[in-house]
C-alpha cells in the first residue's frame, strides 16, 4: 500500500464506539476516543486532505430548504459546497463532522419507516459508527480512489466488529442502500453529505455485493471509479474477513 502520512489520527466523539472496532488492524477504541494508525488501518492512503463544511451551517442553511422546478436538491447541495466547504488536513475534523452527518441520517425515528422489523436501534448505531469511519475514504475528481479503509466494504467490516452473520450483515447494508432507493431518505442524504464535501456514491446494485460507498466530489469521473473498485475489492475483502473472531459466522 501507499501512505502519504503515518501520523496517528485521534478524535474524541460525542458517542462511545464499540470497542470491538479494535479487531481491525490499526484502530483502537477507548470509549469516545478513537485512534487510527494510517499505515496499519488503510489499504491505500494517498491523500490526507478532505473537503468539509460546518455541520451547524448545513443544518441552518440547507436541511430545510426545498427543491423547486428551477433548482434541484443536487444543485442546492453543490452551490452550498462551493460557497462553504473548505479543504482540511484534519482527519479528526472529518470524523467529527461525519459523526454528526450519520447521527442525523441514521436516527431512530427512521426505524418505523424502514419496513425491516429485524432492524433495531442497535443496528442503526452500528451504521452510524461504520459510516463515520467510512468518511476517511476518498475519491479524486479524476475518479482515482486515493483512500481505502475497511469500512469501504460495509458488510465485511460490520461482520468482524459486531459478530454479524452474512444475512444480517447484508440486511444492514440494505438499510445503508436505502439512501438511494427511498426518495425521502435520498434527499436527506444529499443535503447532509454536503457537510462532507460531496455526495454518497455506491458501486453496488440493490443486493449487497461489497462494492461499498464513499463520499465523492460532484463531478468525479465515475467510470474510473468503477474500474478501480472492481480491480481491488476482492483481495481486500478477504483480508477483512480474516479478522473474524468466529469465522463460521
Protein backbone atom coordinates (compact mmCIF):
# COMPACT_ATOMS: atom_id res chain seq x y z
CA UNK A 1 0.00 0.00 0.00
CA UNK A 2 0.98 3.64 -0.29
CA UNK A 3 0.60 6.12 2.55
CA UNK A 4 1.06 9.85 2.43
CA UNK A 5 1.33 10.29 6.17
CA UNK A 6 1.85 7.91 9.08
CA UNK A 7 0.85 10.37 11.83
CA UNK A 8 -1.76 8.83 14.11
CA UNK A 9 -5.33 10.11 13.77
CA UNK A 10 -7.02 10.77 17.11
CA UNK A 11 -10.54 12.04 17.72
CA UNK A 12 -12.98 12.17 20.61
CA UNK A 13 -16.59 11.82 19.52
CA UNK A 14 -19.87 12.51 21.36
CA UNK A 15 -20.75 8.80 21.47
CA UNK A 16 -18.64 5.90 22.73
CA UNK A 17 -17.87 3.48 19.90
CA UNK A 18 -17.90 -0.29 20.25
CA UNK A 19 -14.52 -1.46 21.50
CA UNK A 20 -14.62 -4.35 19.03
CA UNK A 21 -13.51 -1.96 16.29
CA UNK A 22 -10.06 -2.77 17.65
CA UNK A 23 -10.37 -6.18 15.99
CA UNK A 24 -9.42 -4.44 12.75
CA UNK A 25 -5.73 -3.55 12.30
CA UNK A 26 -4.65 -0.04 13.13
CA UNK A 27 -7.67 1.15 15.12
CA UNK A 28 -8.06 1.46 18.87
CA UNK A 29 -11.23 2.50 20.68
CA UNK A 30 -11.28 3.76 24.26
CA UNK A 31 -14.83 4.91 24.89
CA UNK A 32 -15.37 8.09 22.90
CA UNK A 33 -11.69 8.30 21.92
CA UNK A 34 -10.63 6.67 18.64
CA UNK A 35 -7.04 6.36 17.46
CA UNK A 36 -6.14 5.22 13.94
CA UNK A 37 -2.68 4.29 12.65
CA UNK A 38 -2.95 5.07 8.90
CA UNK A 39 -0.12 2.68 7.96
CA UNK A 40 -1.95 -0.27 9.51
CA UNK A 41 -5.59 0.72 9.07
CA UNK A 42 -5.79 1.73 5.42
CA UNK A 43 -5.35 -0.48 2.38
CA UNK A 44 -4.50 2.68 0.46
CA UNK A 45 -3.87 6.13 1.94
CA UNK A 46 -2.58 8.59 -0.63
CA UNK A 47 -4.34 11.78 0.42
CA UNK A 48 -4.55 13.47 3.80
CA UNK A 49 -6.85 16.33 2.83
CA UNK A 50 -10.64 16.28 2.73
CA UNK A 51 -13.41 18.73 1.87
CA UNK A 52 -15.74 19.58 4.75
CA UNK A 53 -18.30 22.20 5.70
CA UNK A 54 -19.58 23.18 9.12
CA UNK A 55 -22.43 20.88 10.16
CA UNK A 56 -24.25 23.62 12.07
CA UNK A 57 -24.28 25.69 8.89
CA UNK A 58 -25.67 22.74 6.93
CA UNK A 59 -28.45 22.38 9.49
CA UNK A 60 -29.36 26.06 9.35
CA UNK A 61 -28.95 26.80 5.64
CA UNK A 62 -29.61 23.54 3.80
CA UNK A 63 -31.52 20.80 5.60
CA UNK A 64 -34.88 22.61 5.50
CA UNK A 65 -34.50 24.09 2.01
CA UNK A 66 -36.90 22.57 -0.53
CA UNK A 67 -36.02 21.94 -4.17
CA UNK A 68 -38.12 23.54 -6.90
CA UNK A 69 -38.68 23.20 -10.62
CA UNK A 70 -35.78 25.63 -11.13
CA UNK A 71 -33.36 24.26 -8.53
CA UNK A 72 -32.90 20.53 -7.84
CA UNK A 73 -31.65 19.31 -4.47
CA UNK A 74 -28.32 18.27 -6.01
CA UNK A 75 -27.88 21.80 -7.32
CA UNK A 76 -28.62 23.24 -3.89
CA UNK A 77 -26.01 20.97 -2.32
CA UNK A 78 -23.40 21.77 -4.96
CA UNK A 79 -23.91 25.51 -4.55
CA UNK A 80 -23.63 25.16 -0.78
CA UNK A 81 -20.38 23.19 -1.12
CA UNK A 82 -18.92 25.79 -3.47
CA UNK A 83 -19.80 28.56 -1.05
CA UNK A 84 -18.90 26.99 2.27
CA UNK A 85 -16.72 23.85 2.05
CA UNK A 86 -13.02 24.06 2.85
CA UNK A 87 -10.12 21.69 2.34
CA UNK A 88 -8.69 20.38 5.60
CA UNK A 89 -5.80 18.10 6.56
CA UNK A 90 -7.58 17.40 9.83
CA UNK A 91 -8.84 13.83 9.82
CA UNK A 92 -10.29 14.38 13.28
CA UNK A 93 -12.46 17.18 11.90
CA UNK A 94 -13.65 14.88 9.13
CA UNK A 95 -14.61 12.18 11.64
CA UNK A 96 -16.36 14.68 13.93
CA UNK A 97 -18.33 16.08 11.01
CA UNK A 98 -19.17 12.60 9.74
CA UNK A 99 -20.44 11.59 13.16
CA UNK A 100 -22.96 14.47 13.05
CA UNK A 101 -23.99 13.61 9.48
CA UNK A 102 -24.69 9.97 10.27
CA UNK A 103 -26.27 10.62 13.66
CA UNK A 104 -28.79 12.59 11.61
CA UNK A 105 -29.20 10.14 8.71
CA UNK A 106 -29.45 7.02 10.89
CA UNK A 107 -31.59 8.42 13.68
CA UNK A 108 -34.03 6.17 15.48
CA UNK A 109 -37.15 7.82 14.06
CA UNK A 110 -36.40 6.10 10.73
CA UNK A 111 -37.00 2.64 12.22
CA UNK A 112 -40.75 2.63 11.71
CA UNK A 113 -40.44 3.53 8.05
CA UNK A 114 -37.79 1.02 7.02
CA UNK A 115 -40.14 -1.93 6.59
CA UNK A 116 -37.49 -4.12 8.24
CA UNK A 117 -38.71 -5.16 11.70
CA UNK A 118 -35.50 -7.08 12.37
CA UNK A 119 -33.50 -3.82 12.28
CA UNK A 120 -33.27 -2.21 15.72
CA UNK A 121 -31.86 0.97 17.22
CA UNK A 122 -28.72 -1.02 17.97
CA UNK A 123 -28.30 -1.75 14.26
CA UNK A 124 -28.63 1.95 13.48
CA UNK A 125 -25.84 2.60 15.98
CA UNK A 126 -23.66 0.12 14.07
CA UNK A 127 -24.42 2.01 10.85
CA UNK A 128 -23.55 5.35 12.45
CA UNK A 129 -20.19 4.06 13.65
CA UNK A 130 -19.19 2.34 10.40
CA UNK A 131 -20.32 5.25 8.22
CA UNK A 132 -18.41 7.72 10.39
CA UNK A 133 -15.18 5.81 9.80
CA UNK A 134 -16.05 5.44 6.11
CA UNK A 135 -15.76 9.23 5.72
CA UNK A 136 -11.96 8.96 5.66
CA UNK A 137 -12.17 7.13 2.32
CA UNK A 138 -11.65 9.41 -0.67
CA UNK A 139 -12.21 9.63 -4.41
CA UNK A 140 -10.46 12.26 -6.53
CA UNK A 141 -12.10 14.30 -9.28
CA UNK A 142 -10.48 12.10 -11.94
CA UNK A 143 -12.18 9.06 -10.36
CA UNK A 144 -9.00 7.69 -8.78
CA UNK A 145 -9.68 6.11 -5.39
CA UNK A 146 -6.99 7.57 -3.15
CA UNK A 147 -8.03 6.38 0.34
CA UNK A 148 -9.50 2.97 1.14
CA UNK A 149 -10.12 1.60 4.63
CA UNK A 150 -12.03 -1.47 5.85
CA UNK A 151 -15.34 0.40 6.16
CA UNK A 152 -15.47 0.76 2.39
CA UNK A 153 -16.61 -2.89 2.47
CA UNK A 154 -19.55 -2.38 4.77
CA UNK A 155 -20.84 -5.93 5.40
CA UNK A 156 -17.34 -7.35 5.86
CA UNK A 157 -16.28 -4.70 8.38
CA UNK A 158 -19.51 -4.89 10.39
CA UNK A 159 -19.42 -8.69 10.44
CA UNK A 160 -15.96 -8.60 12.01
CA UNK A 161 -16.72 -5.88 14.54
CA UNK A 162 -20.27 -6.78 15.55
CA UNK A 163 -20.23 -10.57 15.01
CA UNK A 164 -22.97 -10.36 12.38
CA UNK A 165 -23.69 -13.33 10.17
CA UNK A 166 -23.81 -12.83 6.40
CA UNK A 167 -27.59 -12.43 6.33
CA UNK A 168 -27.70 -9.69 8.94
CA UNK A 169 -24.62 -8.00 7.52
CA UNK A 170 -26.37 -7.85 4.17
CA UNK A 171 -29.55 -6.57 5.80
CA UNK A 172 -27.59 -3.76 7.44
CA UNK A 173 -26.18 -2.87 4.04
CA UNK A 174 -29.72 -2.73 2.67
CA UNK A 175 -30.56 -0.03 5.22
CA UNK A 176 -27.42 1.78 4.11
CA UNK A 177 -28.59 1.44 0.48
CA UNK A 178 -31.91 3.00 1.40
CA UNK A 179 -30.37 6.43 0.97
CA UNK A 180 -30.53 5.79 -2.78
CA UNK A 181 -33.77 3.90 -3.17
CA UNK A 182 -36.09 5.79 -0.81
CA UNK A 183 -36.55 9.29 -2.21
CA UNK A 184 -37.21 10.97 1.14
CA UNK A 185 -34.03 9.50 2.57
CA UNK A 186 -32.10 10.21 -0.64
CA UNK A 187 -32.95 13.91 -0.41
CA UNK A 188 -31.89 13.95 3.25
CA UNK A 189 -28.66 12.20 2.31
CA UNK A 190 -27.78 14.65 -0.47
CA UNK A 191 -28.24 17.63 1.82
CA UNK A 192 -26.44 16.11 4.80
CA UNK A 193 -23.45 14.91 2.78
CA UNK A 194 -22.74 18.49 1.71
CA UNK A 195 -21.00 18.69 5.11
CA UNK A 196 -18.53 16.11 3.78
CA UNK A 197 -17.97 17.96 0.53
CA UNK A 198 -19.84 15.76 -1.92
CA UNK A 199 -22.48 13.11 -2.40
CA UNK A 200 -22.57 9.49 -1.30
CA UNK A 201 -21.94 7.17 -4.25
CA UNK A 202 -22.07 3.39 -4.31
CA UNK A 203 -20.76 0.62 -6.52
CA UNK A 204 -23.41 -1.95 -5.56
CA UNK A 205 -26.72 -2.89 -7.05
CA UNK A 206 -29.60 -3.27 -4.63
CA UNK A 207 -28.32 -6.59 -3.33
CA UNK A 208 -25.14 -6.07 -1.29
CA UNK A 209 -22.08 -7.22 -3.18
CA UNK A 210 -19.48 -5.40 -1.07
CA UNK A 211 -18.74 -2.74 -3.65
CA UNK A 212 -19.12 -0.11 -1.00
CA UNK A 213 -19.86 3.53 -0.60
CA UNK A 214 -17.83 6.72 -0.42
CA UNK A 215 -18.49 10.44 -0.36
CA UNK A 216 -17.25 11.64 -3.76
CA UNK A 217 -16.97 15.20 -5.04
CA UNK A 218 -19.57 16.34 -7.54
CA UNK A 219 -18.08 15.87 -10.98
CA UNK A 220 -15.87 12.89 -10.11
CA UNK A 221 -15.32 10.50 -13.03
CA UNK A 222 -17.48 7.51 -12.16
CA UNK A 223 -16.18 5.26 -14.95
CA UNK A 224 -12.66 5.36 -13.50
CA UNK A 225 -14.09 4.91 -10.01
CA UNK A 226 -15.99 1.79 -11.12
CA UNK A 227 -12.98 0.24 -12.86
CA UNK A 228 -10.59 0.83 -9.95
CA UNK A 229 -13.09 -0.53 -7.45
CA UNK A 230 -13.65 -3.77 -9.35
CA UNK A 231 -9.89 -4.31 -9.57
CA UNK A 232 -9.05 -4.21 -5.88
CA UNK A 233 -12.08 -5.18 -3.84
CA UNK A 234 -11.85 -9.00 -3.70
CA UNK A 235 -8.38 -9.22 -2.14
CA UNK A 236 -9.08 -6.56 0.45
CA UNK A 237 -12.45 -8.02 1.46
CA UNK A 238 -10.70 -11.34 2.08
CA UNK A 239 -8.21 -9.60 4.38
CA UNK A 240 -11.04 -8.08 6.42
CA UNK A 241 -12.87 -11.38 6.86
CA UNK A 242 -9.63 -12.93 8.13
CA UNK A 243 -10.15 -10.94 11.34
CA UNK A 244 -13.47 -12.57 12.21
CA UNK A 245 -13.44 -13.91 15.74
CA UNK A 246 -15.92 -16.57 14.66
CA UNK A 247 -15.01 -17.48 11.05
CA UNK A 248 -18.20 -19.55 10.69
CA UNK A 249 -20.43 -16.54 11.40
